Amino acid sequence: MPDTDDISLRIQALRPALLRLAQLQLRNLAWAEDAVSDTILAAIEGIGAFNGQSQLKTWVVGILRHKVLDQLRLRKRECAYDTDEDGDVLEDLIFVPNGHFREMPQSWSGPDALQQRQFFEVLEACMDALPGQLGRVFLMREWLELDTDAICQELGLTSTNVWKILSRARLRLRECLQLNWFGNQPT
């Protein structure tokens, strides 16, 4: 069995990544911090349940998914969207003030290009830029892996609305990636 102090430190080191994931779904920093704190506490208390069959991060993210769902249920009648007063998230993460990439993307060459860190930074920024309900439904489906019925029940939508929202979210992501990643590739 690995040293529990070491695992505890590794769990705490995951906090920034966990907060980013929670904030993408909850769209409220305070709620995201609550979910992450609950996740870290549950993970540290449940270290004995971690048997090493998966990566520690995978195990902790699984706990976070449940805590995010708990926050959604707890806060479902409250407004969950914080506005970003500092400007456009995409520009701050990816571009310098003059509009150029902070780091030039490597040329798009094939499937392993999807593993490029820059691509995922642009993808995350594009997901951040999805408007409230589009982003929330998309993340409920793709990250929390909820089925259509669960999303309908949670948000009070019809299945037709959920499918339309998912379609619009995917189109927006496609447009954002086309504009901010594929369209800026050197030829």
C-alpha atoms as a PDB file:
ATOM      1  CA  MET A   1       0.000   0.000   0.000  1.00  0.00           C
ATOM      2  CA  PRO A   2       1.458   3.406  -0.956  1.00  0.00           C
ATOM      3  CA  ASP A   3       2.258   5.966   1.727  1.00  0.00           C
ATOM      4  CA  THR A   4      -0.997   7.773   2.644  1.00  0.00           C
ATOM      5  CA  ASP A   5       0.811  11.076   3.316  1.00  0.00           C
ATOM      6  CA  ASP A   6       2.256  10.968  -0.204  1.00  0.00           C
ATOM      7  CA  ILE A   7      -1.160  10.204  -1.729  1.00  0.00           C
ATOM      8  CA  SER A   8      -2.728  12.967   0.350  1.00  0.00           C
ATOM      9  CA  LEU A   9      -0.197  15.480  -1.025  1.00  0.00           C
ATOM     10  CA  ARG A  10      -0.783  14.232  -4.581  1.00  0.00           C
ATOM     11  CA  ILE A  11      -4.554  14.657  -4.124  1.00  0.00           C
ATOM     12  CA  GLN A  12      -4.091  18.220  -2.875  1.00  0.00           C
ATOM     13  CA  ALA A  13      -1.820  18.953  -5.871  1.00  0.00           C
ATOM     14  CA  LEU A  14      -4.760  18.098  -8.174  1.00  0.00           C
ATOM     15  CA  ARG A  15      -6.801  21.021  -6.776  1.00  0.00           C
ATOM     16  CA  PRO A  16      -6.231  23.472  -9.696  1.00  0.00           C
ATOM     17  CA  ALA A  17      -7.239  20.899 -12.325  1.00  0.00           C
ATOM     18  CA  LEU A  18     -10.253  19.824 -10.271  1.00  0.00           C
ATOM     19  CA  LEU A  19     -11.338  23.431  -9.788  1.00  0.00           C
ATOM     20  CA  ARG A  20     -11.121  24.044 -13.536  1.00  0.00           C
ATOM     21  CA  LEU A  21     -13.311  21.006 -14.285  1.00  0.00           C
ATOM     22  CA  ALA A  22     -15.855  21.925 -11.624  1.00  0.00           C
ATOM     23  CA  GLN A  23     -16.022  25.533 -12.751  1.00  0.00           C
ATOM     24  CA  LEU A  24     -16.596  24.482 -16.361  1.00  0.00           C
ATOM     25  CA  GLN A  25     -19.716  22.622 -15.284  1.00  0.00           C
ATOM     26  CA  LEU A  26     -21.043  24.736 -12.444  1.00  0.00           C
ATOM     27  CA  ARG A  27     -20.172  28.167 -13.889  1.00  0.00           C
ATOM     28  CA  ASN A  28     -19.891  29.562 -10.366  1.00  0.00           C
ATOM     29  CA  LEU A  29     -16.553  29.809  -8.577  1.00  0.00           C
ATOM     30  CA  ALA A  30     -17.979  29.445  -5.063  1.00  0.00           C
ATOM     31  CA  TRP A  31     -19.948  26.320  -5.986  1.00  0.00           C
ATOM     32  CA  ALA A  32     -16.935  24.878  -7.812  1.00  0.00           C
ATOM     33  CA  GLU A  33     -14.730  25.485  -4.769  1.00  0.00           C
ATOM     34  CA  ASP A  34     -17.310  23.741  -2.580  1.00  0.00           C
ATOM     35  CA  ALA A  35     -17.376  20.718  -4.905  1.00  0.00           C
ATOM     36  CA  VAL A  36     -13.570  20.545  -5.047  1.00  0.00           C
ATOM     37  CA  SER A  37     -13.197  20.891  -1.268  1.00  0.00           C
ATOM     38  CA  ASP A  38     -15.751  18.123  -0.745  1.00  0.00           C
ATOM     39  CA  THR A  39     -13.902  16.006  -3.330  1.00  0.00           C
ATOM     40  CA  ILE A  40     -10.508  16.434  -1.696  1.00  0.00           C
ATOM     41  CA  LEU A  41     -11.933  15.709   1.727  1.00  0.00           C
ATOM     42  CA  ALA A  42     -13.729  12.577   0.485  1.00  0.00           C
ATOM     43  CA  ALA A  43     -10.618  11.390  -1.362  1.00  0.00           C
ATOM     44  CA  ILE A  44      -8.334  11.885   1.632  1.00  0.00           C
ATOM     45  CA  GLU A  45     -10.822  10.214   3.969  1.00  0.00           C
ATOM     46  CA  GLY A  46     -11.300   7.361   1.499  1.00  0.00           C
ATOM     47  CA  ILE A  47      -7.639   6.711   0.684  1.00  0.00           C
ATOM     48  CA  GLY A  48      -8.138   3.162   1.904  1.00  0.00           C
ATOM     49  CA  ALA A  49     -10.629   2.586  -0.916  1.00  0.00           C
ATOM     50  CA  PHE A  50      -8.021   3.558  -3.543  1.00  0.00           C
ATOM     51  CA  ASN A  51      -6.480   0.285  -4.627  1.00  0.00           C
ATOM     52  CA  GLY A  52      -4.242   1.594  -7.406  1.00  0.00           C
ATOM     53  CA  GLN A  53      -6.109  -0.115 -10.249  1.00  0.00           C
ATOM     54  CA  SER A  54      -6.497   3.276 -11.919  1.00  0.00           C
ATOM     55  CA  GLN A  55      -4.482   6.454 -11.838  1.00  0.00           C
ATOM     56  CA  LEU A  56      -5.007   8.571  -8.754  1.00  0.00           C
ATOM     57  CA  LYS A  57      -6.235  11.494 -10.872  1.00  0.00           C
ATOM     58  CA  THR A  58      -8.858   9.292 -12.543  1.00  0.00           C
ATOM     59  CA  TRP A  59     -10.119   8.119  -9.159  1.00  0.00           C
ATOM     60  CA  VAL A  60     -10.292  11.669  -7.762  1.00  0.00           C
ATOM     61  CA  VAL A  61     -12.016  13.031 -10.902  1.00  0.00           C
ATOM     62  CA  GLY A  62     -14.612  10.269 -10.486  1.00  0.00           C
ATOM     63  CA  ILE A  63     -15.294  11.540  -6.971  1.00  0.00           C
ATOM     64  CA  LEU A  64     -15.488  15.104  -8.326  1.00  0.00           C
ATOM     65  CA  ARG A  65     -18.135  14.069 -10.856  1.00  0.00           C
ATOM     66  CA  HIS A  66     -20.387  12.929  -8.011  1.00  0.00           C
ATOM     67  CA  LYS A  67     -19.724  16.095  -6.004  1.00  0.00           C
ATOM     68  CA  VAL A  68     -20.552  18.267  -9.037  1.00  0.00           C
ATOM     69  CA  LEU A  69     -23.821  16.369  -9.456  1.00  0.00           C
ATOM     70  CA  ASP A  70     -24.533  16.970  -5.757  1.00  0.00           C
ATOM     71  CA  GLN A  71     -23.912  20.710  -6.247  1.00  0.00           C
ATOM     72  CA  LEU A  72     -26.189  20.772  -9.302  1.00  0.00           C
ATOM     73  CA  ARG A  73     -28.996  19.150  -7.334  1.00  0.00           C
ATOM     74  CA  LEU A  74     -28.441  21.427  -4.363  1.00  0.00           C
ATOM     75  CA  ARG A  75     -28.335  24.615  -6.433  1.00  0.00           C
ATOM     76  CA  LYS A  76     -30.642  23.781  -9.335  1.00  0.00           C
ATOM     77  CA  ARG A  77     -32.985  26.703  -8.647  1.00  0.00           C
ATOM     78  CA  GLU A  78     -30.223  29.251  -8.258  1.00  0.00           C
ATOM     79  CA  CYS A  79     -28.518  31.203 -11.029  1.00  0.00           C
ATOM     80  CA  ALA A  80     -25.274  29.398 -11.803  1.00  0.00           C
ATOM     81  CA  TYR A  81     -23.437  31.724 -14.170  1.00  0.00           C
ATOM     82  CA  ASP A  82     -20.663  34.085 -13.157  1.00  0.00           C
ATOM     83  CA  THR A  83     -19.687  36.777 -15.609  1.00  0.00           C
ATOM     84  CA  ASP A  84     -16.032  37.201 -16.393  1.00  0.00           C
ATOM     85  CA  GLU A  85     -15.242  40.870 -15.848  1.00  0.00           C
ATOM     86  CA  ASP A  86     -11.601  40.465 -16.825  1.00  0.00           C
ATOM     87  CA  GLY A  87     -12.327  39.932 -20.515  1.00  0.00           C
ATOM     88  CA  ASP A  88     -12.486  37.050 -22.928  1.00  0.00           C
ATOM     89  CA  VAL A  89     -11.219  33.789 -21.408  1.00  0.00           C
ATOM     90  CA  LEU A  90     -10.016  32.483 -24.765  1.00  0.00           C
ATOM     91  CA  GLU A  91      -7.876  35.519 -25.475  1.00  0.00           C
ATOM     92  CA  ASP A  92      -6.325  35.548 -22.010  1.00  0.00           C
ATOM     93  CA  LEU A  93      -5.370  31.875 -22.097  1.00  0.00           C
ATOM     94  CA  ILE A  94      -4.234  31.504 -25.673  1.00  0.00           C
ATOM     95  CA  PHE A  95      -3.285  34.890 -27.091  1.00  0.00           C
ATOM     96  CA  VAL A  96      -0.992  37.767 -26.159  1.00  0.00           C
ATOM     97  CA  PRO A  97      -2.505  41.291 -26.252  1.00  0.00           C
ATOM     98  CA  ASN A  98      -1.490  41.854 -29.897  1.00  0.00           C
ATOM     99  CA  GLY A  99      -3.576  38.834 -31.003  1.00  0.00           C
ATOM    100  CA  HIS A 100      -0.776  36.335 -31.647  1.00  0.00           C
ATOM    101  CA  PHE A 101      -0.576  32.908 -30.032  1.00  0.00           C
ATOM    102  CA  ARG A 102       1.381  32.823 -26.779  1.00  0.00           C
ATOM    103  CA  GLU A 103       3.102  29.778 -28.229  1.00  0.00           C
ATOM    104  CA  MET A 104       2.788  28.982 -31.929  1.00  0.00           C
ATOM    105  CA  PRO A 105       0.771  25.820 -32.522  1.00  0.00           C
ATOM    106  CA  GLN A 106       2.556  22.994 -34.225  1.00  0.00           C
ATOM    107  CA  SER A 107       1.335  22.024 -37.654  1.00  0.00           C
ATOM    108  CA  TRP A 108      -1.697  19.743 -37.787  1.00  0.00           C
ATOM    109  CA  SER A 109      -0.340  16.453 -38.979  1.00  0.00           C
ATOM    110  CA  GLY A 110      -2.615  13.639 -37.873  1.00  0.00           C
ATOM    111  CA  PRO A 111      -4.346  11.899 -34.962  1.00  0.00           C
ATOM    112  CA  ASP A 112      -1.484  12.395 -32.506  1.00  0.00           C
ATOM    113  CA  ALA A 113      -1.824  16.141 -33.001  1.00  0.00           C
ATOM    114  CA  LEU A 114      -4.970  15.877 -30.838  1.00  0.00           C
ATOM    115  CA  GLN A 115      -2.676  15.154 -27.929  1.00  0.00           C
ATOM    116  CA  GLN A 116      -1.027  18.536 -28.222  1.00  0.00           C
ATOM    117  CA  ARG A 117      -1.399  20.557 -25.057  1.00  0.00           C
ATOM    118  CA  GLN A 118      -2.215  23.698 -27.056  1.00  0.00           C
ATOM    119  CA  PHE A 119      -5.140  22.032 -28.789  1.00  0.00           C
ATOM    120  CA  PHE A 120      -6.688  21.083 -25.472  1.00  0.00           C
ATOM    121  CA  GLU A 121      -6.119  24.580 -24.116  1.00  0.00           C
ATOM    122  CA  VAL A 122      -8.032  26.003 -27.090  1.00  0.00           C
ATOM    123  CA  LEU A 123     -10.746  23.341 -26.690  1.00  0.00           C
ATOM    124  CA  GLU A 124     -11.131  24.160 -22.979  1.00  0.00           C
ATOM    125  CA  ALA A 125     -11.294  27.875 -23.742  1.00  0.00           C
ATOM    126  CA  CYS A 126     -13.938  27.185 -26.403  1.00  0.00           C
ATOM    127  CA  MET A 127     -15.962  25.169 -23.878  1.00  0.00           C
ATOM    128  CA  ASP A 128     -15.589  28.040 -21.378  1.00  0.00           C
ATOM    129  CA  ALA A 129     -16.967  30.387 -24.019  1.00  0.00           C
ATOM    130  CA  LEU A 130     -20.172  28.369 -24.503  1.00  0.00           C
ATOM    131  CA  PRO A 131     -23.117  30.392 -23.177  1.00  0.00           C
ATOM    132  CA  GLY A 132     -24.711  29.235 -19.904  1.00  0.00           C
ATOM    133  CA  GLN A 133     -27.226  26.578 -20.875  1.00  0.00           C
ATOM    134  CA  LEU A 134     -25.326  25.354 -23.944  1.00  0.00           C
ATOM    135  CA  GLY A 135     -22.207  24.777 -21.865  1.00  0.00           C
ATOM    136  CA  ARG A 136     -24.053  23.256 -18.969  1.00  0.00           C
ATOM    137  CA  VAL A 137     -26.017  20.735 -21.059  1.00  0.00           C
ATOM    138  CA  PHE A 138     -22.943  19.861 -23.141  1.00  0.00           C
ATOM    139  CA  LEU A 139     -20.823  19.182 -20.045  1.00  0.00           C
ATOM    140  CA  MET A 140     -23.622  17.246 -18.348  1.00  0.00           C
ATOM    141  CA  ARG A 141     -23.750  14.987 -21.390  1.00  0.00           C
ATOM    142  CA  GLU A 142     -20.063  14.680 -22.278  1.00  0.00           C
ATOM    143  CA  TRP A 143     -18.262  15.062 -18.952  1.00  0.00           C
ATOM    144  CA  LEU A 144     -20.786  13.891 -16.376  1.00  0.00           C
ATOM    145  CA  GLU A 145     -22.065  11.300 -18.892  1.00  0.00           C
ATOM    146  CA  LEU A 146     -25.691  11.829 -17.948  1.00  0.00           C
ATOM    147  CA  ASP A 147     -28.286  10.408 -20.300  1.00  0.00           C
ATOM    148  CA  THR A 148     -30.939  12.572 -21.928  1.00  0.00           C
ATOM    149  CA  ASP A 149     -33.625  11.640 -19.388  1.00  0.00           C
ATOM    150  CA  ALA A 150     -31.412  12.647 -16.458  1.00  0.00           C
ATOM    151  CA  ILE A 151     -30.568  15.988 -18.093  1.00  0.00           C
ATOM    152  CA  CYS A 152     -34.257  16.607 -18.818  1.00  0.00           C
ATOM    153  CA  GLN A 153     -35.191  15.844 -15.225  1.00  0.00           C
ATOM    154  CA  GLU A 154     -32.355  17.939 -13.773  1.00  0.00           C
ATOM    155  CA  LEU A 155     -33.005  21.023 -15.918  1.00  0.00           C
ATOM    156  CA  GLY A 156     -36.721  20.711 -16.636  1.00  0.00           C
ATOM    157  CA  LEU A 157     -36.237  20.428 -20.406  1.00  0.00           C
ATOM    158  CA  THR A 158     -37.791  18.185 -23.027  1.00  0.00           C
ATOM    159  CA  SER A 159     -35.617  15.644 -24.815  1.00  0.00           C
ATOM    160  CA  THR A 160     -36.067  17.603 -28.051  1.00  0.00           C
ATOM    161  CA  ASN A 161     -34.696  20.718 -26.334  1.00  0.00           C
ATOM    162  CA  VAL A 162     -31.721  18.789 -24.978  1.00  0.00           C
ATOM    163  CA  TRP A 163     -30.841  17.441 -28.438  1.00  0.00           C
ATOM    164  CA  LYS A 164     -31.168  20.913 -29.990  1.00  0.00           C
ATOM    165  CA  ILE A 165     -28.975  22.406 -27.267  1.00  0.00           C
ATOM    166  CA  LEU A 166     -26.363  19.677 -27.731  1.00  0.00           C
ATOM    167  CA  SER A 167     -26.387  20.234 -31.476  1.00  0.00           C
ATOM    168  CA  ARG A 168     -25.942  23.995 -31.046  1.00  0.00           C
ATOM    169  CA  ALA A 169     -23.160  23.487 -28.492  1.00  0.00           C
ATOM    170  CA  ARG A 170     -21.283  21.160 -30.840  1.00  0.00           C
ATOM    171  CA  LEU A 171     -21.690  23.623 -33.704  1.00  0.00           C
ATOM    172  CA  ARG A 172     -20.336  26.454 -31.537  1.00  0.00           C
ATOM    173  CA  LEU A 173     -17.379  24.317 -30.463  1.00  0.00           C
ATOM    174  CA  ARG A 174     -16.707  23.422 -34.065  1.00  0.00           C
ATOM    175  CA  GLU A 175     -16.846  27.077 -35.122  1.00  0.00           C
ATOM    176  CA  CYS A 176     -14.608  28.120 -32.235  1.00  0.00           C
ATOM    177  CA  LEU A 177     -12.042  25.411 -33.012  1.00  0.00           C
ATOM    178  CA  GLN A 178     -12.164  26.222 -36.708  1.00  0.00           C
ATOM    179  CA  LEU A 179     -11.574  29.892 -35.995  1.00  0.00           C
ATOM    180  CA  ASN A 180      -9.077  29.596 -33.149  1.00  0.00           C
ATOM    181  CA  TRP A 181      -7.186  26.406 -33.924  1.00  0.00           C
ATOM    182  CA  PHE A 182      -7.571  24.964 -37.400  1.00  0.00           C
ATOM    183  CA  GLY A 183      -7.911  28.359 -39.113  1.00  0.00           C
ATOM    184  CA  ASN A 184      -4.654  29.599 -37.603  1.00  0.00           C
ATOM    185  CA  GLN A 185      -2.470  26.695 -38.687  1.00  0.00           C
ATOM    186  CA  PRO A 186       0.560  27.612 -40.782  1.00  0.00           C
ATOM    187  CA  THR A 187       0.320  26.412 -44.370  1.00  0.00           C
END
